[in-house]
Amino acid sequence: MKQDTLWSLAGSAAAVAASMMARKAADKAYQKEVGETPPENPDEPDVEWRQALL
């Protein structure tokens, strides 16, 4: 493989890992602040505006 391709793959893997970690951190922060798990789909009718915006 070319070196450029390897760096591109490494950068993509790092971006995916960073986004997964950011999502987990946001979920934990939401749970700590609100006291419950965040809604899976904020567009559902039973989700309140406050929950959807956080």
PDB file of N, CA and C in Angstrom:
ATOM      1  N   MET A   1       0.831  -1.189   0.000  1.00  0.00           N
ATOM      2  CA  MET A   1       0.000   0.000   0.000  1.00  0.00           C
ATOM      3  C   MET A   1       0.870   1.244   0.000  1.00  0.00           C
ATOM      4  N   LYS A   2       0.327   2.264  -0.591  1.00  0.00           N
ATOM      5  CA  LYS A   2       1.049   3.529  -0.593  1.00  0.00           C
ATOM      6  C   LYS A   2       0.970   4.178   0.781  1.00  0.00           C
ATOM      7  N   GLN A   3       1.941   4.984   1.068  1.00  0.00           N
ATOM      8  CA  GLN A   3       1.981   5.655   2.361  1.00  0.00           C
ATOM      9  C   GLN A   3       0.803   6.621   2.518  1.00  0.00           C
ATOM     10  N   ASP A   4       0.407   7.289   1.442  1.00  0.00           N
ATOM     11  CA  ASP A   4      -0.733   8.207   1.510  1.00  0.00           C
ATOM     12  C   ASP A   4      -2.011   7.463   1.871  1.00  0.00           C
ATOM     13  N   THR A   5      -2.173   6.264   1.326  1.00  0.00           N
ATOM     14  CA  THR A   5      -3.365   5.462   1.615  1.00  0.00           C
ATOM     15  C   THR A   5      -3.376   5.040   3.073  1.00  0.00           C
ATOM     16  N   LEU A   6      -2.242   4.652   3.589  1.00  0.00           N
ATOM     17  CA  LEU A   6      -2.156   4.263   4.992  1.00  0.00           C
ATOM     18  C   LEU A   6      -2.497   5.420   5.923  1.00  0.00           C
ATOM     19  N   TRP A   7      -1.972   6.605   5.612  1.00  0.00           N
ATOM     20  CA  TRP A   7      -2.270   7.766   6.440  1.00  0.00           C
ATOM     21  C   TRP A   7      -3.748   8.137   6.350  1.00  0.00           C
ATOM     22  N   SER A   8      -4.320   7.974   5.180  1.00  0.00           N
ATOM     23  CA  SER A   8      -5.746   8.249   5.015  1.00  0.00           C
ATOM     24  C   SER A   8      -6.582   7.280   5.851  1.00  0.00           C
ATOM     25  N   LEU A   9      -6.228   6.017   5.832  1.00  0.00           N
ATOM     26  CA  LEU A   9      -6.930   5.017   6.646  1.00  0.00           C
ATOM     27  C   LEU A   9      -6.740   5.289   8.140  1.00  0.00           C
ATOM     28  N   ALA A  10      -5.538   5.644   8.527  1.00  0.00           N
ATOM     29  CA  ALA A  10      -5.269   5.943   9.937  1.00  0.00           C
ATOM     30  C   ALA A  10      -6.060   7.171  10.388  1.00  0.00           C
ATOM     31  N   GLY A  11      -6.131   8.183   9.557  1.00  0.00           N
ATOM     32  CA  GLY A  11      -6.901   9.378   9.890  1.00  0.00           C
ATOM     33  C   GLY A  11      -8.390   9.079   9.994  1.00  0.00           C
ATOM     34  N   SER A  12      -8.891   8.255   9.093  1.00  0.00           N
ATOM     35  CA  SER A  12     -10.304   7.881   9.143  1.00  0.00           C
ATOM     36  C   SER A  12     -10.613   7.081  10.400  1.00  0.00           C
ATOM     37  N   ALA A  13      -9.740   6.162  10.749  1.00  0.00           N
ATOM     38  CA  ALA A  13      -9.940   5.361  11.959  1.00  0.00           C
ATOM     39  C   ALA A  13      -9.906   6.245  13.205  1.00  0.00           C
ATOM     40  N   ALA A  14      -9.012   7.207  13.223  1.00  0.00           N
ATOM     41  CA  ALA A  14      -8.925   8.121  14.363  1.00  0.00           C
ATOM     42  C   ALA A  14     -10.189   8.973  14.466  1.00  0.00           C
ATOM     43  N   ALA A  15     -10.735   9.403  13.338  1.00  0.00           N
ATOM     44  CA  ALA A  15     -11.960  10.200  13.349  1.00  0.00           C
ATOM     45  C   ALA A  15     -13.142   9.383  13.854  1.00  0.00           C
ATOM     46  N   VAL A  16     -13.228   8.137  13.438  1.00  0.00           N
ATOM     47  CA  VAL A  16     -14.315   7.272  13.903  1.00  0.00           C
ATOM     48  C   VAL A  16     -14.193   7.036  15.408  1.00  0.00           C
ATOM     49  N   ALA A  17     -12.995   6.749  15.864  1.00  0.00           N
ATOM     50  CA  ALA A  17     -12.780   6.519  17.294  1.00  0.00           C
ATOM     51  C   ALA A  17     -13.107   7.773  18.111  1.00  0.00           C
ATOM     52  N   ALA A  18     -12.706   8.928  17.622  1.00  0.00           N
ATOM     53  CA  ALA A  18     -12.978  10.177  18.331  1.00  0.00           C
ATOM     54  C   ALA A  18     -14.476  10.460  18.394  1.00  0.00           C
ATOM     55  N   SER A  19     -15.197  10.175  17.324  1.00  0.00           N
ATOM     56  CA  SER A  19     -16.639  10.428  17.340  1.00  0.00           C
ATOM     57  C   SER A  19     -17.349   9.472  18.290  1.00  0.00           C
ATOM     58  N   MET A  20     -16.885   8.231  18.377  1.00  0.00           N
ATOM     59  CA  MET A  20     -17.479   7.274  19.308  1.00  0.00           C
ATOM     60  C   MET A  20     -17.231   7.703  20.753  1.00  0.00           C
ATOM     61  N   MET A  21     -16.029   8.161  21.040  1.00  0.00           N
ATOM     62  CA  MET A  21     -15.710   8.619  22.387  1.00  0.00           C
ATOM     63  C   MET A  21     -16.498   9.868  22.742  1.00  0.00           C
ATOM     64  N   ALA A  22     -16.680  10.769  21.788  1.00  0.00           N
ATOM     65  CA  ALA A  22     -17.448  11.987  22.036  1.00  0.00           C
ATOM     66  C   ALA A  22     -18.910  11.652  22.314  1.00  0.00           C
ATOM     67  N   ARG A  23     -19.452  10.686  21.592  1.00  0.00           N
ATOM     68  CA  ARG A  23     -20.840  10.281  21.813  1.00  0.00           C
ATOM     69  C   ARG A  23     -21.017   9.690  23.213  1.00  0.00           C
ATOM     70  N   LYS A  24     -20.076   8.832  23.620  1.00  0.00           N
ATOM     71  CA  LYS A  24     -20.150   8.239  24.958  1.00  0.00           C
ATOM     72  C   LYS A  24     -20.030   9.311  26.034  1.00  0.00           C
ATOM     73  N   ALA A  25     -19.149  10.271  25.834  1.00  0.00           N
ATOM     74  CA  ALA A  25     -18.976  11.351  26.809  1.00  0.00           C
ATOM     75  C   ALA A  25     -20.243  12.205  26.887  1.00  0.00           C
ATOM     76  N   ALA A  26     -20.867  12.476  25.756  1.00  0.00           N
ATOM     77  CA  ALA A  26     -22.099  13.264  25.752  1.00  0.00           C
ATOM     78  C   ALA A  26     -23.224  12.502  26.446  1.00  0.00           C
ATOM     79  N   ASP A  27     -23.317  11.210  26.212  1.00  0.00           N
ATOM     80  CA  ASP A  27     -24.338  10.393  26.883  1.00  0.00           C
ATOM     81  C   ASP A  27     -24.137  10.392  28.396  1.00  0.00           C
ATOM     82  N   LYS A  28     -22.888  10.255  28.840  1.00  0.00           N
ATOM     83  CA  LYS A  28     -22.609  10.254  30.280  1.00  0.00           C
ATOM     84  C   LYS A  28     -22.903  11.616  30.903  1.00  0.00           C
ATOM     85  N   ALA A  29     -22.578  12.683  30.199  1.00  0.00           N
ATOM     86  CA  ALA A  29     -22.871  14.027  30.707  1.00  0.00           C
ATOM     87  C   ALA A  29     -24.379  14.241  30.807  1.00  0.00           C
ATOM     88  N   TYR A  30     -25.121  13.771  29.828  1.00  0.00           N
ATOM     89  CA  TYR A  30     -26.584  13.887  29.863  1.00  0.00           C
ATOM     90  C   TYR A  30     -27.145  13.106  31.044  1.00  0.00           C
ATOM     91  N   GLN A  31     -26.653  11.884  31.234  1.00  0.00           N
ATOM     92  CA  GLN A  31     -27.132  11.061  32.342  1.00  0.00           C
ATOM     93  C   GLN A  31     -26.817  11.714  33.689  1.00  0.00           C
ATOM     94  N   LYS A  32     -25.648  12.307  33.809  1.00  0.00           N
ATOM     95  CA  LYS A  32     -25.265  12.955  35.060  1.00  0.00           C
ATOM     96  C   LYS A  32     -26.134  14.180  35.328  1.00  0.00           C
ATOM     97  N   GLU A  33     -26.421  14.962  34.294  1.00  0.00           N
ATOM     98  CA  GLU A  33     -27.188  16.187  34.460  1.00  0.00           C
ATOM     99  C   GLU A  33     -28.683  15.921  34.645  1.00  0.00           C
ATOM    100  N   VAL A  34     -29.253  15.047  33.812  1.00  0.00           N
ATOM    101  CA  VAL A  34     -30.701  14.834  33.814  1.00  0.00           C
ATOM    102  C   VAL A  34     -31.101  13.680  34.732  1.00  0.00           C
ATOM    103  N   GLY A  35     -30.243  12.694  34.865  1.00  0.00           N
ATOM    104  CA  GLY A  35     -30.537  11.562  35.728  1.00  0.00           C
ATOM    105  C   GLY A  35     -31.189  10.395  35.019  1.00  0.00           C
ATOM    106  N   GLU A  36     -31.267  10.425  33.715  1.00  0.00           N
ATOM    107  CA  GLU A  36     -31.821   9.310  32.944  1.00  0.00           C
ATOM    108  C   GLU A  36     -31.075   9.206  31.620  1.00  0.00           C
ATOM    109  N   THR A  37     -31.293   8.117  30.932  1.00  0.00           N
ATOM    110  CA  THR A  37     -30.601   7.928  29.657  1.00  0.00           C
ATOM    111  C   THR A  37     -31.168   8.880  28.615  1.00  0.00           C
ATOM    112  N   PRO A  38     -30.343   9.333  27.693  1.00  0.00           N
ATOM    113  CA  PRO A  38     -30.825  10.248  26.661  1.00  0.00           C
ATOM    114  C   PRO A  38     -31.770   9.518  25.701  1.00  0.00           C
ATOM    115  N   PRO A  39     -32.703  10.237  25.090  1.00  0.00           N
ATOM    116  CA  PRO A  39     -33.615   9.602  24.156  1.00  0.00           C
ATOM    117  C   PRO A  39     -32.868   9.133  22.905  1.00  0.00           C
ATOM    118  N   GLU A  40     -33.262   7.962  22.410  1.00  0.00           N
ATOM    119  CA  GLU A  40     -32.629   7.432  21.191  1.00  0.00           C
ATOM    120  C   GLU A  40     -33.005   8.273  19.977  1.00  0.00           C
ATOM    121  N   ASN A  41     -34.278   8.655  19.895  1.00  0.00           N
ATOM    122  CA  ASN A  41     -34.759   9.452  18.774  1.00  0.00           C
ATOM    123  C   ASN A  41     -35.486  10.676  19.328  1.00  0.00           C
ATOM    124  N   PRO A  42     -34.863  11.855  19.309  1.00  0.00           N
ATOM    125  CA  PRO A  42     -35.496  13.043  19.873  1.00  0.00           C
ATOM    126  C   PRO A  42     -36.717  13.505  19.083  1.00  0.00           C
ATOM    127  N   ASP A  43     -36.966  12.924  17.920  1.00  0.00           N
ATOM    128  CA  ASP A  43     -38.097  13.315  17.089  1.00  0.00           C
ATOM    129  C   ASP A  43     -39.396  12.611  17.492  1.00  0.00           C
ATOM    130  N   GLU A  44     -39.329  11.644  18.391  1.00  0.00           N
ATOM    131  CA  GLU A  44     -40.524  10.918  18.811  1.00  0.00           C
ATOM    132  C   GLU A  44     -41.460  11.850  19.588  1.00  0.00           C
ATOM    133  N   PRO A  45     -42.762  11.631  19.488  1.00  0.00           N
ATOM    134  CA  PRO A  45     -43.720  12.536  20.126  1.00  0.00           C
ATOM    135  C   PRO A  45     -43.675  12.544  21.657  1.00  0.00           C
ATOM    136  N   ASP A  46     -43.237  11.468  22.286  1.00  0.00           N
ATOM    137  CA  ASP A  46     -43.229  11.432  23.747  1.00  0.00           C
ATOM    138  C   ASP A  46     -41.981  12.064  24.369  1.00  0.00           C
ATOM    139  N   VAL A  47     -41.087  12.580  23.556  1.00  0.00           N
ATOM    140  CA  VAL A  47     -39.873  13.244  24.051  1.00  0.00           C
ATOM    141  C   VAL A  47     -40.161  14.732  24.226  1.00  0.00           C
ATOM    142  N   GLU A  48     -39.878  15.234  25.426  1.00  0.00           N
ATOM    143  CA  GLU A  48     -40.099  16.650  25.703  1.00  0.00           C
ATOM    144  C   GLU A  48     -39.034  17.502  25.024  1.00  0.00           C
ATOM    145  N   TRP A  49     -39.350  18.775  24.808  1.00  0.00           N
ATOM    146  CA  TRP A  49     -38.413  19.682  24.142  1.00  0.00           C
ATOM    147  C   TRP A  49     -37.095  19.787  24.888  1.00  0.00           C
ATOM    148  N   ARG A  50     -37.169  19.859  26.210  1.00  0.00           N
ATOM    149  CA  ARG A  50     -35.941  19.996  27.011  1.00  0.00           C
ATOM    150  C   ARG A  50     -35.023  18.803  26.783  1.00  0.00           C
ATOM    151  N   GLN A  51     -35.600  17.609  26.737  1.00  0.00           N
ATOM    152  CA  GLN A  51     -34.788  16.408  26.519  1.00  0.00           C
ATOM    153  C   GLN A  51     -34.210  16.404  25.108  1.00  0.00           C
ATOM    154  N   ALA A  52     -34.982  16.827  24.135  1.00  0.00           N
ATOM    155  CA  ALA A  52     -34.528  16.822  22.744  1.00  0.00           C
ATOM    156  C   ALA A  52     -33.393  17.817  22.516  1.00  0.00           C
ATOM    157  N   LEU A  53     -33.450  18.955  23.206  1.00  0.00           N
ATOM    158  CA  LEU A  53     -32.430  19.987  22.989  1.00  0.00           C
ATOM    159  C   LEU A  53     -31.138  19.698  23.746  1.00  0.00           C
ATOM    160  N   LEU A  54     -31.218  18.948  24.830  1.00  0.00           N
ATOM    161  CA  LEU A  54     -30.014  18.624  25.571  1.00  0.00           C
ATOM    162  C   LEU A  54     -29.342  17.502  24.879  1.00  0.00           C
TER     163      LEU A  54
END
